[in-house]
């Protein structure tokens, strides 16, 4: 008997990609997931800016060389700047680049105003540079650095005697501050870009590894299917073929005076063997169960019950409730397999005289009830292999199984499949 087994591997599942966002520290072309170095240390940079504002306010308040009014203005301005920064600029409400620009512009303006009130607030400049490169693209952060450097130099010149040496010192300090901040920003931005590229490469490698794992599992499943197909072909299928041939030989050798019951039982045995031989072939070929081939679920169950009654002399009936709408193939197969296994349990263990199978179609669900009047069993005992098989198969498609039985009161198996 030749069999064929599909070697087509299942399609690879789509691996969802993580949400990406551009590098904030620069105009890097690489997109990445997660927070960059600036964002991970945002709390530290924010704390540093607030600490510098507090330090400047304390030094201005303790400076006896300036008037009380200027000290009050300096402290109030520092407090207001800190509150606006903590409650608005440093919160998640600054979720667009336009709002980030507005927040940075406010910080620069507030720093210039505070420094004009008292020069001690020049120390806040060191905290502002980090905010620029953390919140703006690199080119705009560089523009902001130049503005801060020029503003610092202008304030120093305004507070000096206007001599050439004062101009030179102010210019040198401004150049060093601006140049140093730009170089530092570009360096950190490049580190972030390289980290993003490495992260992207790692994500690609992880995705490739996941795809490779899926392919290996698919290959393993295919190999196992091929092994099972070969086992079924060499054992069950060949055995059923031999049984059919032997039954045909027995029927041919029967004496003429053999009774009709003998012929009927031989015919039933031969039909059962042929049906199971066809089932084995279908399993090997990976197709649907033979009873469903070209038939509906209701028709397959009716034939199953009819054959069961003829084989066992147990009164078997089928009831159908509701409209038997088209159901997924997996649902039909699951319900039919559950009916087969439930009837097999009745045949082997129930010692029943009657069994009723009820198919109830409830919208997108189908419910199978198998009720017999047999000896029943203690529900506290471990379920047998057949009942475990029913439960496992039904749960694989998202269905439910309930079993109600008591010694001497029969058994009721209910299967509900979506």
Protein backbone atom coordinates (compact mmCIF):
# COMPACT_ATOMS: atom_id res chain seq x y z
CA UNK A 1 0.00 0.00 0.00
CA UNK A 2 1.52 3.28 -1.07
CA UNK A 3 0.97 6.36 0.94
CA UNK A 4 1.93 9.98 0.49
CA UNK A 5 2.67 12.48 3.20
CA UNK A 6 2.93 16.18 2.59
CA UNK A 7 6.38 17.56 3.26
CA UNK A 8 5.33 21.16 3.02
CA UNK A 9 6.46 22.97 6.14
CA UNK A 10 3.98 25.26 7.89
CA UNK A 11 4.45 28.96 7.21
CA UNK A 12 6.64 30.89 9.57
CA UNK A 13 4.62 33.01 11.99
CA UNK A 14 4.98 36.75 11.74
CA UNK A 15 7.22 38.02 14.51
CA UNK A 16 5.80 41.30 15.75
CA UNK A 17 8.23 44.14 15.79
CA UNK A 18 8.60 46.44 18.75
CA UNK A 19 7.52 50.07 18.43
CA UNK A 20 10.39 52.26 17.38
CA UNK A 21 11.22 55.91 17.73
CA UNK A 22 14.07 58.04 16.36
CA UNK A 23 17.17 58.92 18.37
CA UNK A 24 16.45 62.09 20.26
CA UNK A 25 20.06 63.09 20.72
CA UNK A 26 20.65 63.44 17.00
CA UNK A 27 19.31 62.94 13.55
CA UNK A 28 20.47 59.35 13.36
CA UNK A 29 18.88 57.36 10.56
CA UNK A 30 18.61 54.23 12.69
CA UNK A 31 15.41 53.65 14.64
CA UNK A 32 15.48 51.71 17.86
CA UNK A 33 13.38 50.53 20.74
CA UNK A 34 13.64 51.44 24.40
CA UNK A 35 15.24 54.45 26.07
CA UNK A 36 18.65 55.84 25.12
CA UNK A 37 21.43 56.86 27.48
CA UNK A 38 19.96 60.34 27.93
CA UNK A 39 16.52 59.03 28.78
CA UNK A 40 17.74 56.36 31.17
CA UNK A 41 19.66 59.02 33.12
CA UNK A 42 16.98 61.69 32.79
CA UNK A 43 16.25 61.63 36.50
CA UNK A 44 19.92 62.35 37.25
CA UNK A 45 20.13 65.28 34.79
CA UNK A 46 16.84 66.68 36.09
CA UNK A 47 17.99 66.36 39.69
CA UNK A 48 21.27 68.10 38.78
CA UNK A 49 19.42 71.07 37.23
CA UNK A 50 17.11 71.39 40.24
CA UNK A 51 20.07 71.12 42.59
CA UNK A 52 21.95 73.90 40.72
CA UNK A 53 18.84 76.11 40.86
CA UNK A 54 18.55 75.48 44.61
CA UNK A 55 22.25 76.16 45.13
CA UNK A 56 22.04 79.38 43.16
CA UNK A 57 18.99 80.50 45.17
CA UNK A 58 20.76 79.77 48.47
CA UNK A 59 23.93 81.63 47.44
CA UNK A 60 21.91 84.59 46.17
CA UNK A 61 19.85 84.71 49.39
CA UNK A 62 23.03 84.70 51.51
CA UNK A 63 24.79 87.40 49.45
CA UNK A 64 24.77 90.52 51.62
CA UNK A 65 26.35 92.62 48.85
CA UNK A 66 23.10 92.85 46.87
CA UNK A 67 19.85 94.47 47.85
CA UNK A 68 17.06 92.61 49.56
CA UNK A 69 14.78 93.14 46.60
CA UNK A 70 17.20 91.45 44.19
CA UNK A 71 17.67 88.56 46.58
CA UNK A 72 13.91 88.07 46.85
CA UNK A 73 13.54 88.23 43.07
CA UNK A 74 16.42 85.75 42.63
CA UNK A 75 14.95 83.24 45.08
CA UNK A 76 11.40 83.61 43.73
CA UNK A 77 12.62 83.30 40.12
CA UNK A 78 14.63 80.18 40.93
CA UNK A 79 11.66 78.63 42.73
CA UNK A 80 9.28 79.42 39.86
CA UNK A 81 11.73 78.00 37.31
CA UNK A 82 12.15 74.81 39.35
CA UNK A 83 8.37 74.36 39.68
CA UNK A 84 7.71 74.88 35.96
CA UNK A 85 10.51 72.46 35.11
CA UNK A 86 9.42 69.77 37.57
CA UNK A 87 5.66 70.00 36.91
CA UNK A 88 5.64 70.60 33.14
CA UNK A 89 8.92 70.36 31.26
CA UNK A 90 10.22 67.19 32.93
CA UNK A 91 6.87 65.38 32.79
CA UNK A 92 5.50 63.13 30.06
CA UNK A 93 3.23 65.96 28.87
CA UNK A 94 6.21 67.17 26.83
CA UNK A 95 5.48 64.47 24.28
CA UNK A 96 6.02 66.43 21.06
CA UNK A 97 9.10 68.09 19.66
CA UNK A 98 7.34 71.47 19.57
CA UNK A 99 6.70 71.24 23.31
CA UNK A 100 10.29 70.19 23.89
CA UNK A 101 11.47 73.28 22.00
CA UNK A 102 9.16 75.44 24.08
CA UNK A 103 10.43 73.90 27.30
CA UNK A 104 14.07 74.41 26.35
CA UNK A 105 13.37 78.01 25.27
CA UNK A 106 11.78 78.67 28.66
CA UNK A 107 14.80 77.25 30.50
CA UNK A 108 17.23 79.37 28.48
CA UNK A 109 15.15 82.50 28.99
CA UNK A 110 14.76 81.82 32.70
CA UNK A 111 18.51 81.23 33.07
CA UNK A 112 19.35 84.48 31.30
CA UNK A 113 16.90 86.41 33.50
CA UNK A 114 18.18 84.82 36.71
CA UNK A 115 21.80 85.45 35.74
CA UNK A 116 21.00 89.12 35.10
CA UNK A 117 19.43 89.33 38.55
CA UNK A 118 22.42 87.63 40.18
CA UNK A 119 25.56 86.28 38.44
CA UNK A 120 25.71 83.29 40.77
CA UNK A 121 23.10 81.58 38.58
CA UNK A 122 25.78 81.08 35.93
CA UNK A 123 26.35 77.68 37.56
CA UNK A 124 22.95 76.56 36.25
CA UNK A 125 24.50 76.62 32.79
CA UNK A 126 26.12 73.23 33.35
CA UNK A 127 22.71 71.64 33.91
CA UNK A 128 21.19 73.36 30.88
CA UNK A 129 23.62 71.85 28.40
CA UNK A 130 22.45 68.34 29.34
CA UNK A 131 18.81 69.36 28.91
CA UNK A 132 19.56 70.67 25.41
CA UNK A 133 21.12 67.46 24.17
CA UNK A 134 18.57 65.31 25.98
CA UNK A 135 15.52 67.05 24.52
CA UNK A 136 16.52 68.40 21.10
CA UNK A 137 18.02 66.97 17.90
CA UNK A 138 21.77 67.42 17.68
CA UNK A 139 21.82 70.39 15.30
CA UNK A 140 19.29 72.34 17.38
CA UNK A 141 21.09 71.43 20.58
CA UNK A 142 24.25 72.88 19.03
CA UNK A 143 22.38 76.08 18.17
CA UNK A 144 21.15 76.28 21.75
CA UNK A 145 24.69 75.75 23.03
CA UNK A 146 25.93 78.66 20.92
CA UNK A 147 23.10 80.82 22.28
CA UNK A 148 23.99 79.87 25.85
CA UNK A 149 27.69 80.55 25.23
CA UNK A 150 27.02 83.95 23.69
CA UNK A 151 24.59 84.83 26.45
CA UNK A 152 27.10 83.84 29.12
CA UNK A 153 29.84 85.86 27.45
CA UNK A 154 27.56 88.90 27.12
CA UNK A 155 26.60 88.75 30.79
CA UNK A 156 30.23 88.50 31.85
CA UNK A 157 31.16 91.47 29.69
CA UNK A 158 28.22 93.46 31.09
CA UNK A 159 29.40 92.78 34.64
CA UNK A 160 33.03 93.63 33.85
CA UNK A 161 34.76 96.98 33.35
CA UNK A 162 34.62 96.61 29.57
CA UNK A 163 38.37 96.35 29.14
CA UNK A 164 39.91 94.35 26.27
CA UNK A 165 41.11 91.71 28.73
CA UNK A 166 37.58 91.25 30.03
CA UNK A 167 36.31 90.85 26.47
CA UNK A 168 39.05 88.31 25.78
CA UNK A 169 38.31 86.30 28.90
CA UNK A 170 34.59 86.33 28.20
CA UNK A 171 35.16 85.24 24.61
CA UNK A 172 37.53 82.46 25.61
CA UNK A 173 35.10 81.14 28.20
CA UNK A 174 32.26 81.29 25.71
CA UNK A 175 34.24 79.43 23.03
CA UNK A 176 35.35 76.76 25.48
CA UNK A 177 31.84 76.27 26.81
CA UNK A 178 30.22 76.14 23.38
CA UNK A 179 32.92 74.00 21.79
CA UNK A 180 33.07 71.62 24.73
CA UNK A 181 29.31 71.18 24.85
CA UNK A 182 29.04 70.56 21.09
CA UNK A 183 31.86 68.00 21.12
CA UNK A 184 30.38 66.27 24.13
CA UNK A 185 26.92 66.24 22.58
CA UNK A 186 28.18 64.81 19.28
CA UNK A 187 30.18 62.17 21.13
CA UNK A 188 27.21 61.07 23.23
CA UNK A 189 24.93 61.22 20.20
CA UNK A 190 27.31 58.97 18.28
CA UNK A 191 27.39 56.51 21.16
CA UNK A 192 23.59 56.44 21.18
CA UNK A 193 23.50 55.87 17.42
CA UNK A 194 25.99 53.01 17.64
CA UNK A 195 24.02 51.50 20.51
CA UNK A 196 20.85 51.73 18.43
CA UNK A 197 22.58 49.99 15.53
CA UNK A 198 23.82 47.24 17.82
CA UNK A 199 20.37 46.87 19.35
CA UNK A 200 18.85 46.60 15.88
CA UNK A 201 21.39 43.92 14.98
CA UNK A 202 20.66 42.02 18.20
CA UNK A 203 16.91 42.17 17.52
CA UNK A 204 17.50 40.85 14.00
CA UNK A 205 19.62 38.02 15.40
CA UNK A 206 16.96 37.19 18.00
CA UNK A 207 14.28 37.20 15.29
CA UNK A 208 16.44 34.93 13.13
CA UNK A 209 17.01 32.62 16.08
CA UNK A 210 13.28 32.52 16.76
CA UNK A 211 12.56 31.73 13.11
CA UNK A 212 15.23 29.04 13.19
CA UNK A 213 13.61 27.55 16.30
CA UNK A 214 10.23 27.52 14.56
CA UNK A 215 11.80 25.86 11.51
CA UNK A 216 13.51 23.25 13.67
CA UNK A 217 10.26 22.48 15.49
CA UNK A 218 8.43 22.22 12.17
CA UNK A 219 11.14 19.89 10.87
CA UNK A 220 10.85 17.79 14.03
CA UNK A 221 7.08 17.63 13.70
CA UNK A 222 7.37 16.63 10.05
CA UNK A 223 9.86 13.91 10.91
CA UNK A 224 7.59 12.61 13.66
CA UNK A 225 4.61 12.62 11.29
CA UNK A 226 6.61 10.64 8.77
CA UNK A 227 7.64 8.16 11.43
CA UNK A 228 4.06 7.72 12.64
CA UNK A 229 2.84 7.35 9.06
CA UNK A 230 5.36 4.60 8.46
CA UNK A 231 4.39 2.87 11.73
CA UNK A 232 0.69 3.01 10.89
CA UNK A 233 1.35 1.80 7.37
CA UNK A 234 3.47 -1.14 8.51
CA UNK A 235 1.31 -2.21 11.46
CA UNK A 236 -2.34 -1.14 11.59
CA UNK A 237 -2.99 -0.81 7.88
CA UNK A 238 -1.29 -4.09 7.04
CA UNK A 239 -3.05 -5.81 9.96
CA UNK A 240 -6.50 -4.62 8.85
CA UNK A 241 -5.73 -5.71 5.30
CA UNK A 242 -4.89 -9.17 6.58
CA UNK A 243 -8.07 -9.28 8.67
CA UNK A 244 -10.21 -8.36 5.65
CA UNK A 245 -8.57 -11.08 3.56
CA UNK A 246 -9.00 -13.67 6.30
CA UNK A 247 -12.66 -12.78 6.78
CA UNK A 248 -13.27 -13.08 3.05
CA UNK A 249 -11.57 -16.50 3.09
CA UNK A 250 -13.71 -17.62 6.04
CA UNK A 251 -16.88 -16.44 4.29
CA UNK A 252 -15.92 -18.37 1.18
CA UNK A 253 -15.26 -21.55 3.16
CA UNK A 254 -18.49 -21.50 5.16
CA UNK A 255 -20.61 -24.61 4.77
CA UNK A 256 -23.89 -24.22 2.93
CA UNK A 257 -25.89 -24.83 6.08
CA UNK A 258 -24.29 -21.89 7.96
CA UNK A 259 -26.99 -19.76 9.56
CA UNK A 260 -27.79 -16.15 8.54
CA UNK A 261 -26.43 -14.87 11.89
CA UNK A 262 -22.98 -16.18 10.99
CA UNK A 263 -23.01 -14.40 7.64
CA UNK A 264 -24.32 -11.21 9.27
CA UNK A 265 -21.58 -11.18 11.90
CA UNK A 266 -18.90 -11.89 9.31
CA UNK A 267 -20.23 -9.05 7.17
CA UNK A 268 -20.17 -6.71 10.17
CA UNK A 269 -16.64 -7.75 11.07
CA UNK A 270 -15.50 -7.28 7.48
CA UNK A 271 -17.18 -3.84 7.25
CA UNK A 272 -15.58 -2.76 10.53
CA UNK A 273 -12.15 -3.93 9.39
CA UNK A 274 -12.52 -2.15 6.04
CA UNK A 275 -13.65 1.04 7.76
CA UNK A 276 -10.68 1.00 10.10
CA UNK A 277 -8.36 0.18 7.20
CA UNK A 278 -9.66 3.25 5.40
CA UNK A 279 -9.21 5.27 8.58
CA UNK A 280 -5.60 4.12 8.86
CA UNK A 281 -4.97 5.10 5.27
CA UNK A 282 -6.50 8.50 5.89
CA UNK A 283 -4.33 8.99 8.94
CA UNK A 284 -1.27 8.19 6.90
CA UNK A 285 -2.30 10.59 4.18
CA UNK A 286 -3.07 13.31 6.72
CA UNK A 287 -6.65 13.78 5.53
CA UNK A 288 -9.90 14.17 7.45
CA UNK A 289 -11.43 11.10 9.11
CA UNK A 290 -13.05 8.76 6.63
CA UNK A 291 -16.62 9.07 8.04
CA UNK A 292 -16.56 12.82 7.26
CA UNK A 293 -15.28 12.46 3.71
CA UNK A 294 -17.99 14.01 1.57
CA UNK A 295 -20.50 13.95 4.43
CA UNK A 296 -21.89 16.23 7.13
CA UNK A 297 -21.28 15.80 10.83
CA UNK A 298 -24.88 14.73 11.41
CA UNK A 299 -24.70 12.11 8.64
CA UNK A 300 -21.38 10.77 9.92
CA UNK A 301 -22.73 10.47 13.48
CA UNK A 302 -25.89 8.73 12.25
CA UNK A 303 -23.83 6.15 10.35
CA UNK A 304 -21.56 5.71 13.36
CA UNK A 305 -24.49 5.05 15.70
CA UNK A 306 -26.18 2.76 13.20
CA UNK A 307 -23.05 0.65 12.86
CA UNK A 308 -22.56 0.63 16.63
CA UNK A 309 -26.08 -0.67 17.20
CA UNK A 310 -25.69 -3.38 14.57
CA UNK A 311 -22.39 -4.55 16.04
CA UNK A 312 -23.34 -4.58 19.72
CA UNK A 313 -27.13 -5.20 19.84
CA UNK A 314 -27.31 -2.09 22.08
CA UNK A 315 -30.26 0.17 21.28
CA UNK A 316 -28.61 3.32 19.93
CA UNK A 317 -30.38 6.54 18.90
CA UNK A 318 -29.42 9.94 17.52
CA UNK A 319 -31.22 13.21 18.23
CA UNK A 320 -30.45 16.49 16.46
CA UNK A 321 -31.49 19.86 17.85
CA UNK A 322 -31.04 23.15 16.09
CA UNK A 323 -29.83 24.01 12.62
CA UNK A 324 -26.69 22.17 11.58
CA UNK A 325 -24.86 25.13 10.08
CA UNK A 326 -21.51 24.74 8.37
CA UNK A 327 -18.87 24.26 11.02
CA UNK A 328 -15.09 24.38 10.79
CA UNK A 329 -13.48 21.10 9.82
CA UNK A 330 -11.62 20.97 13.13
CA UNK A 331 -14.93 21.17 15.01
CA UNK A 332 -16.50 18.38 12.95
CA UNK A 333 -13.47 16.15 13.45
CA UNK A 334 -13.34 16.81 17.19
CA UNK A 335 -17.02 16.08 17.77
CA UNK A 336 -16.92 12.93 15.64
CA UNK A 337 -13.83 11.65 17.43
CA UNK A 338 -15.46 12.33 20.79
CA UNK A 339 -18.56 10.39 19.70
CA UNK A 340 -16.43 7.48 18.52
CA UNK A 341 -14.49 7.34 21.78
CA UNK A 342 -17.62 7.69 23.94
CA UNK A 343 -19.30 4.81 22.09
CA UNK A 344 -16.13 2.73 22.40
CA UNK A 345 -16.25 3.25 26.18
CA UNK A 346 -19.90 2.19 26.22
CA UNK A 347 -19.01 -0.92 24.24
CA UNK A 348 -16.09 -1.89 26.51
CA UNK A 349 -17.14 -0.84 29.99
CA UNK A 350 -20.78 0.25 30.37
CA UNK A 351 -22.70 -3.04 30.00
CA UNK A 352 -25.50 -0.81 28.75
CA UNK A 353 -28.73 -1.73 26.97
CA UNK A 354 -29.35 1.70 25.42
CA UNK A 355 -27.37 4.78 24.48
CA UNK A 356 -28.51 8.12 23.07
CA UNK A 357 -26.36 10.64 21.22
CA UNK A 358 -27.74 14.18 21.03
CA UNK A 359 -26.26 16.83 18.75
CA UNK A 360 -27.30 20.36 19.72
CA UNK A 361 -26.31 23.27 17.48
CA UNK A 362 -26.29 26.55 19.39
CA UNK A 363 -25.13 29.29 17.10
CA UNK A 364 -21.35 28.95 16.78
CA UNK A 365 -21.25 26.06 19.27
CA UNK A 366 -22.09 22.39 18.91
CA UNK A 367 -22.84 20.27 21.96
CA UNK A 368 -22.63 16.48 21.97
CA UNK A 369 -24.37 14.53 24.73
CA UNK A 370 -23.76 10.79 25.05
CA UNK A 371 -26.02 9.15 27.66
CA UNK A 372 -26.08 5.44 28.46
CA UNK A 373 -27.93 3.33 31.04
CA UNK A 374 -24.91 1.23 31.97
CA UNK A 375 -23.18 0.45 35.23
CA UNK A 376 -21.54 3.87 35.54
CA UNK A 377 -18.46 4.52 37.63
CA UNK A 378 -17.18 6.48 40.59
CA UNK A 379 -16.26 10.02 39.47
CA UNK A 380 -13.59 10.11 42.16
CA UNK A 381 -11.66 7.39 40.37
CA UNK A 382 -9.03 8.25 37.82
CA UNK A 383 -10.54 8.58 34.32
CA UNK A 384 -9.57 5.99 31.76
CA UNK A 385 -7.50 6.54 28.68
CA UNK A 386 -10.54 7.07 26.48
CA UNK A 387 -12.03 9.86 28.60
CA UNK A 388 -8.63 11.51 28.96
CA UNK A 389 -8.26 11.38 25.18
CA UNK A 390 -11.66 13.04 24.69
CA UNK A 391 -10.80 15.82 27.13
CA UNK A 392 -7.37 16.41 25.60
CA UNK A 393 -8.69 16.57 22.03
CA UNK A 394 -11.59 18.89 22.92
CA UNK A 395 -9.47 21.26 24.99
CA UNK A 396 -7.05 21.62 22.11
CA UNK A 397 -9.77 23.40 20.11
CA UNK A 398 -10.98 25.50 23.05
CA UNK A 399 -13.89 23.28 24.01
CA UNK A 400 -15.10 21.85 27.31
CA UNK A 401 -15.90 18.35 28.57
CA UNK A 402 -18.08 17.39 31.51
CA UNK A 403 -18.71 13.85 32.76
CA UNK A 404 -21.54 12.85 35.10
CA UNK A 405 -21.64 9.26 36.33
CA UNK A 406 -22.51 7.25 39.41
CA UNK A 407 -22.24 3.52 40.05
CA UNK A 408 -25.41 1.85 38.78
CA UNK A 409 -26.83 5.08 37.31
CA UNK A 410 -25.21 5.21 33.87
CA UNK A 411 -22.92 7.86 32.40
CA UNK A 412 -23.50 11.22 30.73
CA UNK A 413 -20.64 12.69 28.67
CA UNK A 414 -21.12 16.26 27.39
CA UNK A 415 -18.76 17.85 24.87
CA UNK A 416 -19.11 21.51 23.94
CA UNK A 417 -16.98 22.73 21.04
CA UNK A 418 -16.91 26.28 19.61
